[in-house]
Amino acid sequence: MDAESRFLADPTERAPEISFERAWAFAVLEHAMQQLESEMRAAGKAKLLEHLRPHLQGDRNRRPYAEIATDLGVSEGAVKVAVHRLRQRYGELLRAEVARTVETEAEVADEVRHLIEIVST
């Protein structure tokens, strides 16, 4: 679901500033994911990301690693390593995106925590 869809799905009884913060948070997450998608396409690994994206976004309906491994013709261990690396890269891209919105590097961790808190509510 993209940032706009999530924003529109928000209950209308929320305060406008909370809705704005949630829309901002989802937009930041979506932009980081788009950057990751672009990198993976450029590396010829779009199919891998397509299979593993639910594991990066905490989707509860994600497929087991063993099934993905079978589909991709690799070992389950290789899938686990790929998820780990993609999570790391996604985190790096997310922190870089947040860093563009704050004045100091010290504020990045606080802002990322706030972002996670906002999307978790």
PDB file of N, CA and C in Angstrom:
ATOM      1  N   MET A   1       0.853  -1.167   0.000  1.00  0.00           N
ATOM      2  CA  MET A   1       0.000   0.000   0.000  1.00  0.00           C
ATOM      3  C   MET A   1       0.905   1.239   0.000  1.00  0.00           C
ATOM      4  N   ASP A   2       0.651   2.189  -0.871  1.00  0.00           N
ATOM      5  CA  ASP A   2       1.491   3.372  -0.927  1.00  0.00           C
ATOM      6  C   ASP A   2       1.078   4.381   0.147  1.00  0.00           C
ATOM      7  N   ALA A   3       1.900   5.424   0.323  1.00  0.00           N
ATOM      8  CA  ALA A   3       1.685   6.403   1.385  1.00  0.00           C
ATOM      9  C   ALA A   3       0.320   7.064   1.288  1.00  0.00           C
ATOM     10  N   GLU A   4      -0.110   7.404   0.096  1.00  0.00           N
ATOM     11  CA  GLU A   4      -1.395   8.077  -0.068  1.00  0.00           C
ATOM     12  C   GLU A   4      -2.546   7.164   0.352  1.00  0.00           C
ATOM     13  N   SER A   5      -2.489   5.904  -0.025  1.00  0.00           N
ATOM     14  CA  SER A   5      -3.537   4.962   0.347  1.00  0.00           C
ATOM     15  C   SER A   5      -3.619   4.800   1.855  1.00  0.00           C
ATOM     16  N   ARG A   6      -2.450   4.720   2.494  1.00  0.00           N
ATOM     17  CA  ARG A   6      -2.440   4.592   3.952  1.00  0.00           C
ATOM     18  C   ARG A   6      -3.001   5.846   4.599  1.00  0.00           C
ATOM     19  N   PHE A   7      -2.660   6.990   4.043  1.00  0.00           N
ATOM     20  CA  PHE A   7      -3.179   8.243   4.582  1.00  0.00           C
ATOM     21  C   PHE A   7      -4.700   8.284   4.459  1.00  0.00           C
ATOM     22  N   LEU A   8      -5.200   7.896   3.301  1.00  0.00           N
ATOM     23  CA  LEU A   8      -6.637   7.939   3.077  1.00  0.00           C
ATOM     24  C   LEU A   8      -7.375   6.904   3.922  1.00  0.00           C
ATOM     25  N   ALA A   9      -6.697   5.815   4.275  1.00  0.00           N
ATOM     26  CA  ALA A   9      -7.312   4.775   5.095  1.00  0.00           C
ATOM     27  C   ALA A   9      -7.353   5.141   6.574  1.00  0.00           C
ATOM     28  N   ASP A  10      -6.676   6.220   6.959  1.00  0.00           N
ATOM     29  CA  ASP A  10      -6.639   6.666   8.344  1.00  0.00           C
ATOM     30  C   ASP A  10      -8.024   7.047   8.842  1.00  0.00           C
ATOM     31  N   PRO A  11      -8.350   6.697  10.067  1.00  0.00           N
ATOM     32  CA  PRO A  11      -9.642   7.121  10.607  1.00  0.00           C
ATOM     33  C   PRO A  11      -9.737   8.650  10.635  1.00  0.00           C
ATOM     34  N   THR A  12     -10.905   9.164  10.318  1.00  0.00           N
ATOM     35  CA  THR A  12     -11.070  10.619  10.232  1.00  0.00           C
ATOM     36  C   THR A  12     -11.105  11.292  11.591  1.00  0.00           C
ATOM     37  N   GLU A  13     -11.285  10.517  12.678  1.00  0.00           N
ATOM     38  CA  GLU A  13     -11.330  11.157  13.980  1.00  0.00           C
ATOM     39  C   GLU A  13      -9.946  11.532  14.512  1.00  0.00           C
ATOM     40  N   ARG A  14      -8.885  11.160  13.851  1.00  0.00           N
ATOM     41  CA  ARG A  14      -7.535  11.533  14.282  1.00  0.00           C
ATOM     42  C   ARG A  14      -7.327  13.032  14.125  1.00  0.00           C
ATOM     43  N   ALA A  15      -6.523  13.559  15.006  1.00  0.00           N
ATOM     44  CA  ALA A  15      -6.187  14.971  14.921  1.00  0.00           C
ATOM     45  C   ALA A  15      -5.442  15.223  13.618  1.00  0.00           C
ATOM     46  N   PRO A  16      -5.641  16.382  13.006  1.00  0.00           N
ATOM     47  CA  PRO A  16      -4.980  16.672  11.727  1.00  0.00           C
ATOM     48  C   PRO A  16      -3.460  16.547  11.799  1.00  0.00           C
ATOM     49  N   GLU A  17      -2.845  16.948  12.923  1.00  0.00           N
ATOM     50  CA  GLU A  17      -1.385  16.866  13.007  1.00  0.00           C
ATOM     51  C   GLU A  17      -0.902  15.421  13.062  1.00  0.00           C
ATOM     52  N   ILE A  18      -1.703  14.543  13.651  1.00  0.00           N
ATOM     53  CA  ILE A  18      -1.335  13.128  13.670  1.00  0.00           C
ATOM     54  C   ILE A  18      -1.460  12.548  12.268  1.00  0.00           C
ATOM     55  N   SER A  19      -2.505  12.897  11.578  1.00  0.00           N
ATOM     56  CA  SER A  19      -2.676  12.429  10.198  1.00  0.00           C
ATOM     57  C   SER A  19      -1.543  12.925   9.310  1.00  0.00           C
ATOM     58  N   PHE A  20      -1.145  14.180   9.512  1.00  0.00           N
ATOM     59  CA  PHE A  20      -0.035  14.736   8.739  1.00  0.00           C
ATOM     60  C   PHE A  20       1.249  13.969   9.036  1.00  0.00           C
ATOM     61  N   GLU A  21       1.535  13.714  10.326  1.00  0.00           N
ATOM     62  CA  GLU A  21       2.755  12.990  10.692  1.00  0.00           C
ATOM     63  C   GLU A  21       2.748  11.577  10.110  1.00  0.00           C
ATOM     64  N   ARG A  22       1.607  10.906  10.163  1.00  0.00           N
ATOM     65  CA  ARG A  22       1.515   9.552   9.597  1.00  0.00           C
ATOM     66  C   ARG A  22       1.734   9.574   8.083  1.00  0.00           C
ATOM     67  N   ALA A  23       1.144  10.543   7.422  1.00  0.00           N
ATOM     68  CA  ALA A  23       1.339  10.658   5.969  1.00  0.00           C
ATOM     69  C   ALA A  23       2.811  10.906   5.657  1.00  0.00           C
ATOM     70  N   TRP A  24       3.439  11.775   6.436  1.00  0.00           N
ATOM     71  CA  TRP A  24       4.870  12.050   6.241  1.00  0.00           C
ATOM     72  C   TRP A  24       5.686  10.784   6.467  1.00  0.00           C
ATOM     73  N   ALA A  25       5.397  10.069   7.551  1.00  0.00           N
ATOM     74  CA  ALA A  25       6.156   8.866   7.879  1.00  0.00           C
ATOM     75  C   ALA A  25       6.040   7.823   6.766  1.00  0.00           C
ATOM     76  N   PHE A  26       4.822   7.590   6.300  1.00  0.00           N
ATOM     77  CA  PHE A  26       4.642   6.602   5.229  1.00  0.00           C
ATOM     78  C   PHE A  26       5.299   7.064   3.931  1.00  0.00           C
ATOM     79  N   ALA A  27       5.299   8.352   3.680  1.00  0.00           N
ATOM     80  CA  ALA A  27       5.969   8.874   2.477  1.00  0.00           C
ATOM     81  C   ALA A  27       7.475   8.642   2.560  1.00  0.00           C
ATOM     82  N   VAL A  28       8.060   8.843   3.730  1.00  0.00           N
ATOM     83  CA  VAL A  28       9.496   8.612   3.916  1.00  0.00           C
ATOM     84  C   VAL A  28       9.815   7.135   3.717  1.00  0.00           C
ATOM     85  N   LEU A  29       9.015   6.264   4.322  1.00  0.00           N
ATOM     86  CA  LEU A  29       9.228   4.824   4.159  1.00  0.00           C
ATOM     87  C   LEU A  29       9.093   4.407   2.691  1.00  0.00           C
ATOM     88  N   GLU A  30       8.086   4.944   2.025  1.00  0.00           N
ATOM     89  CA  GLU A  30       7.855   4.605   0.618  1.00  0.00           C
ATOM     90  C   GLU A  30       9.006   5.095  -0.261  1.00  0.00           C
ATOM     91  N   HIS A  31       9.511   6.278   0.026  1.00  0.00           N
ATOM     92  CA  HIS A  31      10.622   6.799  -0.778  1.00  0.00           C
ATOM     93  C   HIS A  31      11.866   5.934  -0.602  1.00  0.00           C
ATOM     94  N   ALA A  32      12.140   5.520   0.627  1.00  0.00           N
ATOM     95  CA  ALA A  32      13.290   4.641   0.865  1.00  0.00           C
ATOM     96  C   ALA A  32      13.103   3.319   0.119  1.00  0.00           C
ATOM     97  N   MET A  33      11.877   2.786   0.119  1.00  0.00           N
ATOM     98  CA  MET A  33      11.614   1.534  -0.592  1.00  0.00           C
ATOM     99  C   MET A  33      11.774   1.730  -2.104  1.00  0.00           C
ATOM    100  N   GLN A  34      11.334   2.843  -2.620  1.00  0.00           N
ATOM    101  CA  GLN A  34      11.498   3.115  -4.053  1.00  0.00           C
ATOM    102  C   GLN A  34      12.975   3.178  -4.425  1.00  0.00           C
ATOM    103  N   GLN A  35      13.787   3.753  -3.562  1.00  0.00           N
ATOM    104  CA  GLN A  35      15.227   3.799  -3.829  1.00  0.00           C
ATOM    105  C   GLN A  35      15.811   2.388  -3.834  1.00  0.00           C
ATOM    106  N   LEU A  36      15.384   1.572  -2.867  1.00  0.00           N
ATOM    107  CA  LEU A  36      15.852   0.188  -2.818  1.00  0.00           C
ATOM    108  C   LEU A  36      15.416  -0.570  -4.072  1.00  0.00           C
ATOM    109  N   GLU A  37      14.186  -0.369  -4.491  1.00  0.00           N
ATOM    110  CA  GLU A  37      13.695  -1.014  -5.712  1.00  0.00           C
ATOM    111  C   GLU A  37      14.524  -0.605  -6.918  1.00  0.00           C
ATOM    112  N   SER A  38      14.845   0.661  -7.001  1.00  0.00           N
ATOM    113  CA  SER A  38      15.653   1.164  -8.107  1.00  0.00           C
ATOM    114  C   SER A  38      17.037   0.510  -8.110  1.00  0.00           C
ATOM    115  N   GLU A  39      17.638   0.412  -6.941  1.00  0.00           N
ATOM    116  CA  GLU A  39      18.954  -0.231  -6.834  1.00  0.00           C
ATOM    117  C   GLU A  39      18.893  -1.704  -7.239  1.00  0.00           C
ATOM    118  N   MET A  40      17.849  -2.378  -6.783  1.00  0.00           N
ATOM    119  CA  MET A  40      17.723  -3.800  -7.088  1.00  0.00           C
ATOM    120  C   MET A  40      17.450  -4.036  -8.574  1.00  0.00           C
ATOM    121  N   ARG A  41      16.634  -3.173  -9.193  1.00  0.00           N
ATOM    122  CA  ARG A  41      16.402  -3.282 -10.642  1.00  0.00           C
ATOM    123  C   ARG A  41      17.716  -3.088 -11.398  1.00  0.00           C
ATOM    124  N   ALA A  42      18.475  -2.082 -10.986  1.00  0.00           N
ATOM    125  CA  ALA A  42      19.753  -1.793 -11.661  1.00  0.00           C
ATOM    126  C   ALA A  42      20.726  -2.965 -11.525  1.00  0.00           C
ATOM    127  N   ALA A  43      20.621  -3.695 -10.421  1.00  0.00           N
ATOM    128  CA  ALA A  43      21.501  -4.845 -10.190  1.00  0.00           C
ATOM    129  C   ALA A  43      20.932  -6.131 -10.780  1.00  0.00           C
ATOM    130  N   GLY A  44      19.765  -6.031 -11.448  1.00  0.00           N
ATOM    131  CA  GLY A  44      19.145  -7.211 -12.030  1.00  0.00           C
ATOM    132  C   GLY A  44      18.511  -8.133 -10.999  1.00  0.00           C
ATOM    133  N   LYS A  45      18.122  -7.575  -9.843  1.00  0.00           N
ATOM    134  CA  LYS A  45      17.573  -8.395  -8.768  1.00  0.00           C
ATOM    135  C   LYS A  45      16.153  -7.978  -8.380  1.00  0.00           C
ATOM    136  N   ALA A  46      15.413  -7.474  -9.330  1.00  0.00           N
ATOM    137  CA  ALA A  46      14.037  -7.030  -9.052  1.00  0.00           C
ATOM    138  C   ALA A  46      13.166  -8.189  -8.583  1.00  0.00           C
ATOM    139  N   LYS A  47      13.343  -9.362  -9.171  1.00  0.00           N
ATOM    140  CA  LYS A  47      12.541 -10.530  -8.797  1.00  0.00           C
ATOM    141  C   LYS A  47      12.813 -10.919  -7.339  1.00  0.00           C
ATOM    142  N   LEU A  48      14.068 -10.845  -6.929  1.00  0.00           N
ATOM    143  CA  LEU A  48      14.419 -11.162  -5.552  1.00  0.00           C
ATOM    144  C   LEU A  48      13.695 -10.224  -4.590  1.00  0.00           C
ATOM    145  N   LEU A  49      13.738  -8.934  -4.873  1.00  0.00           N
ATOM    146  CA  LEU A  49      13.070  -7.973  -4.008  1.00  0.00           C
ATOM    147  C   LEU A  49      11.564  -8.193  -4.006  1.00  0.00           C
ATOM    148  N   GLU A  50      11.008  -8.528  -5.142  1.00  0.00           N
ATOM    149  CA  GLU A  50       9.568  -8.790  -5.222  1.00  0.00           C
ATOM    150  C   GLU A  50       9.166  -9.892  -4.238  1.00  0.00           C
ATOM    151  N   HIS A  51       9.973 -10.934  -4.160  1.00  0.00           N
ATOM    152  CA  HIS A  51       9.691 -12.049  -3.250  1.00  0.00           C
ATOM    153  C   HIS A  51       9.939 -11.683  -1.784  1.00  0.00           C
ATOM    154  N   LEU A  52      10.935 -10.835  -1.545  1.00  0.00           N
ATOM    155  CA  LEU A  52      11.351 -10.571  -0.167  1.00  0.00           C
ATOM    156  C   LEU A  52      10.764  -9.303   0.442  1.00  0.00           C
ATOM    157  N   ARG A  53      10.160  -8.465  -0.364  1.00  0.00           N
ATOM    158  CA  ARG A  53       9.613  -7.197   0.142  1.00  0.00           C
ATOM    159  C   ARG A  53       8.711  -7.371   1.365  1.00  0.00           C
ATOM    160  N   PRO A  54       7.797  -8.347   1.394  1.00  0.00           N
ATOM    161  CA  PRO A  54       6.964  -8.507   2.596  1.00  0.00           C
ATOM    162  C   PRO A  54       7.783  -8.736   3.870  1.00  0.00           C
ATOM    163  N   HIS A  55       8.954  -9.342   3.739  1.00  0.00           N
ATOM    164  CA  HIS A  55       9.815  -9.581   4.895  1.00  0.00           C
ATOM    165  C   HIS A  55      10.494  -8.295   5.368  1.00  0.00           C
ATOM    166  N   LEU A  56      10.575  -7.316   4.516  1.00  0.00           N
ATOM    167  CA  LEU A  56      11.179  -6.034   4.890  1.00  0.00           C
ATOM    168  C   LEU A  56      10.163  -5.129   5.566  1.00  0.00           C
ATOM    169  N   GLN A  57       8.913  -5.331   5.262  1.00  0.00           N
ATOM    170  CA  GLN A  57       7.875  -4.416   5.714  1.00  0.00           C
ATOM    171  C   GLN A  57       7.015  -4.983   6.833  1.00  0.00           C
ATOM    172  N   GLY A  58       7.404  -6.123   7.390  1.00  0.00           N
ATOM    173  CA  GLY A  58       6.669  -6.681   8.515  1.00  0.00           C
ATOM    174  C   GLY A  58       5.305  -7.235   8.168  1.00  0.00           C
ATOM    175  N   ASP A  59       5.102  -7.620   6.924  1.00  0.00           N
ATOM    176  CA  ASP A  59       3.828  -8.192   6.493  1.00  0.00           C
ATOM    177  C   ASP A  59       3.608  -9.526   7.209  1.00  0.00           C
ATOM    178  N   ARG A  60       2.528  -9.636   7.915  1.00  0.00           N
ATOM    179  CA  ARG A  60       2.248 -10.864   8.668  1.00  0.00           C
ATOM    180  C   ARG A  60       1.868 -12.027   7.761  1.00  0.00           C
ATOM    181  N   ASN A  61       1.482 -11.755   6.543  1.00  0.00           N
ATOM    182  CA  ASN A  61       1.079 -12.800   5.606  1.00  0.00           C
ATOM    183  C   ASN A  61       2.215 -13.199   4.664  1.00  0.00           C
ATOM    184  N   ARG A  62       3.424 -12.895   5.053  1.00  0.00           N
ATOM    185  CA  ARG A  62       4.555 -13.207   4.174  1.00  0.00           C
ATOM    186  C   ARG A  62       4.768 -14.715   4.058  1.00  0.00           C
ATOM    187  N   ARG A  63       5.346 -15.079   2.952  1.00  0.00           N
ATOM    188  CA  ARG A  63       5.602 -16.494   2.667  1.00  0.00           C
ATOM    189  C   ARG A  63       6.834 -16.965   3.428  1.00  0.00           C
ATOM    190  N   PRO A  64       6.869 -18.233   3.791  1.00  0.00           N
ATOM    191  CA  PRO A  64       8.043 -18.780   4.476  1.00  0.00           C
ATOM    192  C   PRO A  64       9.281 -18.737   3.576  1.00  0.00           C
ATOM    193  N   TYR A  65      10.436 -18.587   4.213  1.00  0.00           N
ATOM    194  CA  TYR A  65      11.696 -18.548   3.471  1.00  0.00           C
ATOM    195  C   TYR A  65      11.868 -19.783   2.587  1.00  0.00           C
ATOM    196  N   ALA A  66      11.466 -20.955   3.089  1.00  0.00           N
ATOM    197  CA  ALA A  66      11.652 -22.198   2.327  1.00  0.00           C
ATOM    198  C   ALA A  66      10.899 -22.151   0.994  1.00  0.00           C
ATOM    199  N   GLU A  67       9.685 -21.616   1.005  1.00  0.00           N
ATOM    200  CA  GLU A  67       8.911 -21.500  -0.240  1.00  0.00           C
ATOM    201  C   GLU A  67       9.585 -20.547  -1.217  1.00  0.00           C
ATOM    202  N   ILE A  68      10.058 -19.434  -0.697  1.00  0.00           N
ATOM    203  CA  ILE A  68      10.729 -18.448  -1.552  1.00  0.00           C
ATOM    204  C   ILE A  68      11.992 -19.057  -2.140  1.00  0.00           C
ATOM    205  N   ALA A  69      12.728 -19.778  -1.318  1.00  0.00           N
ATOM    206  CA  ALA A  69      13.962 -20.420  -1.784  1.00  0.00           C
ATOM    207  C   ALA A  69      13.669 -21.374  -2.937  1.00  0.00           C
ATOM    208  N   THR A  70      12.607 -22.147  -2.807  1.00  0.00           N
ATOM    209  CA  THR A  70      12.219 -23.084  -3.867  1.00  0.00           C
ATOM    210  C   THR A  70      11.887 -22.322  -5.145  1.00  0.00           C
ATOM    211  N   ASP A  71      11.104 -21.257  -5.029  1.00  0.00           N
ATOM    212  CA  ASP A  71      10.740 -20.453  -6.199  1.00  0.00           C
ATOM    213  C   ASP A  71      11.957 -19.852  -6.890  1.00  0.00           C
ATOM    214  N   LEU A  72      12.925 -19.419  -6.091  1.00  0.00           N
ATOM    215  CA  LEU A  72      14.103 -18.752  -6.659  1.00  0.00           C
ATOM    216  C   LEU A  72      15.218 -19.729  -7.018  1.00  0.00           C
ATOM    217  N   GLY A  73      15.089 -20.981  -6.610  1.00  0.00           N
ATOM    218  CA  GLY A  73      16.119 -21.974  -6.915  1.00  0.00           C
ATOM    219  C   GLY A  73      17.395 -21.765  -6.120  1.00  0.00           C
ATOM    220  N   VAL A  74      17.243 -21.303  -4.874  1.00  0.00           N
ATOM    221  CA  VAL A  74      18.393 -21.097  -3.993  1.00  0.00           C
ATOM    222  C   VAL A  74      18.105 -21.768  -2.656  1.00  0.00           C
ATOM    223  N   SER A  75      19.099 -21.781  -1.784  1.00  0.00           N
ATOM    224  CA  SER A  75      18.893 -22.385  -0.470  1.00  0.00           C
ATOM    225  C   SER A  75      18.128 -21.435   0.451  1.00  0.00           C
ATOM    226  N   GLU A  76      17.521 -21.997   1.471  1.00  0.00           N
ATOM    227  CA  GLU A  76      16.830 -21.183   2.466  1.00  0.00           C
ATOM    228  C   GLU A  76      17.811 -20.247   3.160  1.00  0.00           C
ATOM    229  N   GLY A  77      19.019 -20.715   3.380  1.00  0.00           N
ATOM    230  CA  GLY A  77      20.064 -19.878   3.977  1.00  0.00           C
ATOM    231  C   GLY A  77      20.366 -18.659   3.117  1.00  0.00           C
ATOM    232  N   ALA A  78      20.386 -18.860   1.805  1.00  0.00           N
ATOM    233  CA  ALA A  78      20.644 -17.744   0.893  1.00  0.00           C
ATOM    234  C   ALA A  78      19.530 -16.708   0.982  1.00  0.00           C
ATOM    235  N   VAL A  79      18.304 -17.174   1.155  1.00  0.00           N
ATOM    236  CA  VAL A  79      17.174 -16.251   1.296  1.00  0.00           C
ATOM    237  C   VAL A  79      17.309 -15.470   2.592  1.00  0.00           C
ATOM    238  N   LYS A  80      17.673 -16.135   3.676  1.00  0.00           N
ATOM    239  CA  LYS A  80      17.850 -15.460   4.968  1.00  0.00           C
ATOM    240  C   LYS A  80      18.928 -14.392   4.882  1.00  0.00           C
ATOM    241  N   VAL A  81      20.022 -14.711   4.225  1.00  0.00           N
ATOM    242  CA  VAL A  81      21.106 -13.737   4.070  1.00  0.00           C
ATOM    243  C   VAL A  81      20.637 -12.559   3.222  1.00  0.00           C
ATOM    244  N   ALA A  82      19.895 -12.836   2.169  1.00  0.00           N
ATOM    245  CA  ALA A  82      19.387 -11.769   1.302  1.00  0.00           C
ATOM    246  C   ALA A  82      18.434 -10.855   2.073  1.00  0.00           C
ATOM    247  N   VAL A  83      17.561 -11.426   2.896  1.00  0.00           N
ATOM    248  CA  VAL A  83      16.649 -10.611   3.706  1.00  0.00           C
ATOM    249  C   VAL A  83      17.453  -9.740   4.659  1.00  0.00           C
ATOM    250  N   HIS A  84      18.441 -10.322   5.302  1.00  0.00           N
ATOM    251  CA  HIS A  84      19.277  -9.560   6.233  1.00  0.00           C
ATOM    252  C   HIS A  84      19.951  -8.379   5.525  1.00  0.00           C
ATOM    253  N   ARG A  85      20.522  -8.636   4.370  1.00  0.00           N
ATOM    254  CA  ARG A  85      21.209  -7.575   3.619  1.00  0.00           C
ATOM    255  C   ARG A  85      20.235  -6.506   3.127  1.00  0.00           C
ATOM    256  N   LEU A  86      19.065  -6.929   2.668  1.00  0.00           N
ATOM    257  CA  LEU A  86      18.072  -5.961   2.205  1.00  0.00           C
ATOM    258  C   LEU A  86      17.551  -5.112   3.354  1.00  0.00           C
ATOM    259  N   ARG A  87      17.367  -5.718   4.514  1.00  0.00           N
ATOM    260  CA  ARG A  87      16.944  -4.938   5.690  1.00  0.00           C
ATOM    261  C   ARG A  87      17.992  -3.899   6.055  1.00  0.00           C
ATOM    262  N   GLN A  88      19.253  -4.315   6.004  1.00  0.00           N
ATOM    263  CA  GLN A  88      20.336  -3.366   6.295  1.00  0.00           C
ATOM    264  C   GLN A  88      20.314  -2.206   5.308  1.00  0.00           C
ATOM    265  N   ARG A  89      20.214  -2.520   4.033  1.00  0.00           N
ATOM    266  CA  ARG A  89      20.229  -1.474   3.005  1.00  0.00           C
ATOM    267  C   ARG A  89      19.005  -0.574   3.113  1.00  0.00           C
ATOM    268  N   TYR A  90      17.854  -1.164   3.357  1.00  0.00           N
ATOM    269  CA  TYR A  90      16.630  -0.386   3.534  1.00  0.00           C
ATOM    270  C   TYR A  90      16.793   0.559   4.720  1.00  0.00           C
ATOM    271  N   GLY A  91      17.371   0.073   5.805  1.00  0.00           N
ATOM    272  CA  GLY A  91      17.628   0.919   6.967  1.00  0.00           C
ATOM    273  C   GLY A  91      18.564   2.069   6.647  1.00  0.00           C
ATOM    274  N   GLU A  92      19.597   1.783   5.869  1.00  0.00           N
ATOM    275  CA  GLU A  92      20.537   2.838   5.466  1.00  0.00           C
ATOM    276  C   GLU A  92      19.830   3.905   4.636  1.00  0.00           C
ATOM    277  N   LEU A  93      19.025   3.451   3.688  1.00  0.00           N
ATOM    278  CA  LEU A  93      18.299   4.393   2.831  1.00  0.00           C
ATOM    279  C   LEU A  93      17.287   5.198   3.641  1.00  0.00           C
ATOM    280  N   LEU A  94      16.645   4.547   4.601  1.00  0.00           N
ATOM    281  CA  LEU A  94      15.686   5.239   5.456  1.00  0.00           C
ATOM    282  C   LEU A  94      16.386   6.300   6.301  1.00  0.00           C
ATOM    283  N   ARG A  95      17.508   5.937   6.900  1.00  0.00           N
ATOM    284  CA  ARG A  95      18.259   6.914   7.711  1.00  0.00           C
ATOM    285  C   ARG A  95      18.751   8.074   6.853  1.00  0.00           C
ATOM    286  N   ALA A  96      19.170   7.794   5.641  1.00  0.00           N
ATOM    287  CA  ALA A  96      19.627   8.869   4.741  1.00  0.00           C
ATOM    288  C   ALA A  96      18.472   9.807   4.395  1.00  0.00           C
ATOM    289  N   GLU A  97      17.297   9.230   4.172  1.00  0.00           N
ATOM    290  CA  GLU A  97      16.122  10.038   3.856  1.00  0.00           C
ATOM    291  C   GLU A  97      15.753  10.927   5.049  1.00  0.00           C
ATOM    292  N   VAL A  98      15.778  10.361   6.241  1.00  0.00           N
ATOM    293  CA  VAL A  98      15.475  11.129   7.451  1.00  0.00           C
ATOM    294  C   VAL A  98      16.535  12.202   7.675  1.00  0.00           C
ATOM    295  N   ALA A  99      17.784  11.881   7.404  1.00  0.00           N
ATOM    296  CA  ALA A  99      18.872  12.835   7.608  1.00  0.00           C
ATOM    297  C   ALA A  99      18.682  14.104   6.783  1.00  0.00           C
ATOM    298  N   ARG A 100      17.979  13.977   5.672  1.00  0.00           N
ATOM    299  CA  ARG A 100      17.723  15.161   4.839  1.00  0.00           C
ATOM    300  C   ARG A 100      16.722  16.113   5.495  1.00  0.00           C
ATOM    301  N   THR A 101      16.010  15.633   6.534  1.00  0.00           N
ATOM    302  CA  THR A 101      14.959  16.438   7.147  1.00  0.00           C
ATOM    303  C   THR A 101      15.351  17.032   8.496  1.00  0.00           C
ATOM    304  N   VAL A 102      16.528  16.680   8.997  1.00  0.00           N
ATOM    305  CA  VAL A 102      16.975  17.187  10.295  1.00  0.00           C
ATOM    306  C   VAL A 102      18.296  17.929  10.127  1.00  0.00           C
ATOM    307  N   GLU A 103      18.662  18.673  11.154  1.00  0.00           N
ATOM    308  CA  GLU A 103      19.864  19.504  11.051  1.00  0.00           C
ATOM    309  C   GLU A 103      21.149  18.777  11.412  1.00  0.00           C
ATOM    310  N   THR A 104      21.083  17.853  12.375  1.00  0.00           N
ATOM    311  CA  THR A 104      22.309  17.184  12.816  1.00  0.00           C
ATOM    312  C   THR A 104      22.165  15.672  12.717  1.00  0.00           C
ATOM    313  N   GLU A 105      23.282  15.012  12.638  1.00  0.00           N
ATOM    314  CA  GLU A 105      23.310  13.549  12.578  1.00  0.00           C
ATOM    315  C   GLU A 105      22.727  12.947  13.856  1.00  0.00           C
ATOM    316  N   ALA A 106      22.928  13.622  14.972  1.00  0.00           N
ATOM    317  CA  ALA A 106      22.422  13.132  16.254  1.00  0.00           C
ATOM    318  C   ALA A 106      20.898  13.039  16.267  1.00  0.00           C
ATOM    319  N   GLU A 107      20.228  13.832  15.472  1.00  0.00           N
ATOM    320  CA  GLU A 107      18.770  13.830  15.441  1.00  0.00           C
ATOM    321  C   GLU A 107      18.183  12.683  14.617  1.00  0.00           C
ATOM    322  N   VAL A 108      19.003  12.054  13.802  1.00  0.00           N
ATOM    323  CA  VAL A 108      18.511  11.011  12.907  1.00  0.00           C
ATOM    324  C   VAL A 108      17.897   9.849  13.687  1.00  0.00           C
ATOM    325  N   ALA A 109      18.603   9.331  14.675  1.00  0.00           N
ATOM    326  CA  ALA A 109      18.101   8.184  15.432  1.00  0.00           C
ATOM    327  C   ALA A 109      16.785   8.522  16.129  1.00  0.00           C
ATOM    328  N   ASP A 110      16.697   9.698  16.721  1.00  0.00           N
ATOM    329  CA  ASP A 110      15.455  10.105  17.385  1.00  0.00           C
ATOM    330  C   ASP A 110      14.306  10.198  16.387  1.00  0.00           C
ATOM    331  N   GLU A 111      14.596  10.757  15.234  1.00  0.00           N
ATOM    332  CA  GLU A 111      13.551  10.927  14.220  1.00  0.00           C
ATOM    333  C   GLU A 111      13.106   9.581  13.654  1.00  0.00           C
ATOM    334  N   VAL A 112      14.038   8.657  13.474  1.00  0.00           N
ATOM    335  CA  VAL A 112      13.683   7.319  12.988  1.00  0.00           C
ATOM    336  C   VAL A 112      12.809   6.614  14.024  1.00  0.00           C
ATOM    337  N   ARG A 113      13.167   6.726  15.308  1.00  0.00           N
ATOM    338  CA  ARG A 113      12.341   6.138  16.361  1.00  0.00           C
ATOM    339  C   ARG A 113      10.933   6.732  16.343  1.00  0.00           C
ATOM    340  N   HIS A 114      10.864   8.046  16.172  1.00  0.00           N
ATOM    341  CA  HIS A 114       9.562   8.724  16.113  1.00  0.00           C
ATOM    342  C   HIS A 114       8.772   8.238  14.903  1.00  0.00           C
ATOM    343  N   LEU A 115       9.431   8.091  13.789  1.00  0.00           N
ATOM    344  CA  LEU A 115       8.780   7.615  12.572  1.00  0.00           C
ATOM    345  C   LEU A 115       8.182   6.225  12.795  1.00  0.00           C
ATOM    346  N   ILE A 116       8.954   5.340  13.401  1.00  0.00           N
ATOM    347  CA  ILE A 116       8.482   3.972  13.671  1.00  0.00           C
ATOM    348  C   ILE A 116       7.302   4.010  14.638  1.00  0.00           C
ATOM    349  N   GLU A 117       7.394   4.852  15.628  1.00  0.00           N
ATOM    350  CA  GLU A 117       6.285   4.994  16.590  1.00  0.00           C
ATOM    351  C   GLU A 117       5.002   5.453  15.889  1.00  0.00           C
ATOM    352  N   ILE A 118       5.137   6.402  14.995  1.00  0.00           N
ATOM    353  CA  ILE A 118       3.980   6.943  14.276  1.00  0.00           C
ATOM    354  C   ILE A 118       3.313   5.870  13.426  1.00  0.00           C
ATOM    355  N   VAL A 119       4.091   5.099  12.690  1.00  0.00           N
ATOM    356  CA  VAL A 119       3.481   4.102  11.801  1.00  0.00           C
ATOM    357  C   VAL A 119       2.987   2.880  12.559  1.00  0.00           C
ATOM    358  N   SER A 120       3.412   2.717  13.794  1.00  0.00           N
ATOM    359  CA  SER A 120       2.981   1.584  14.606  1.00  0.00           C
ATOM    360  C   SER A 120       1.659   1.827  15.314  1.00  0.00           C
ATOM    361  N   THR A 121       1.192   3.080  15.298  1.00  0.00           N
ATOM    362  CA  THR A 121      -0.056   3.390  16.001  1.00  0.00           C
ATOM    363  C   THR A 121      -1.249   3.256  15.106  1.00  0.00           C
TER     364      THR A 121
END
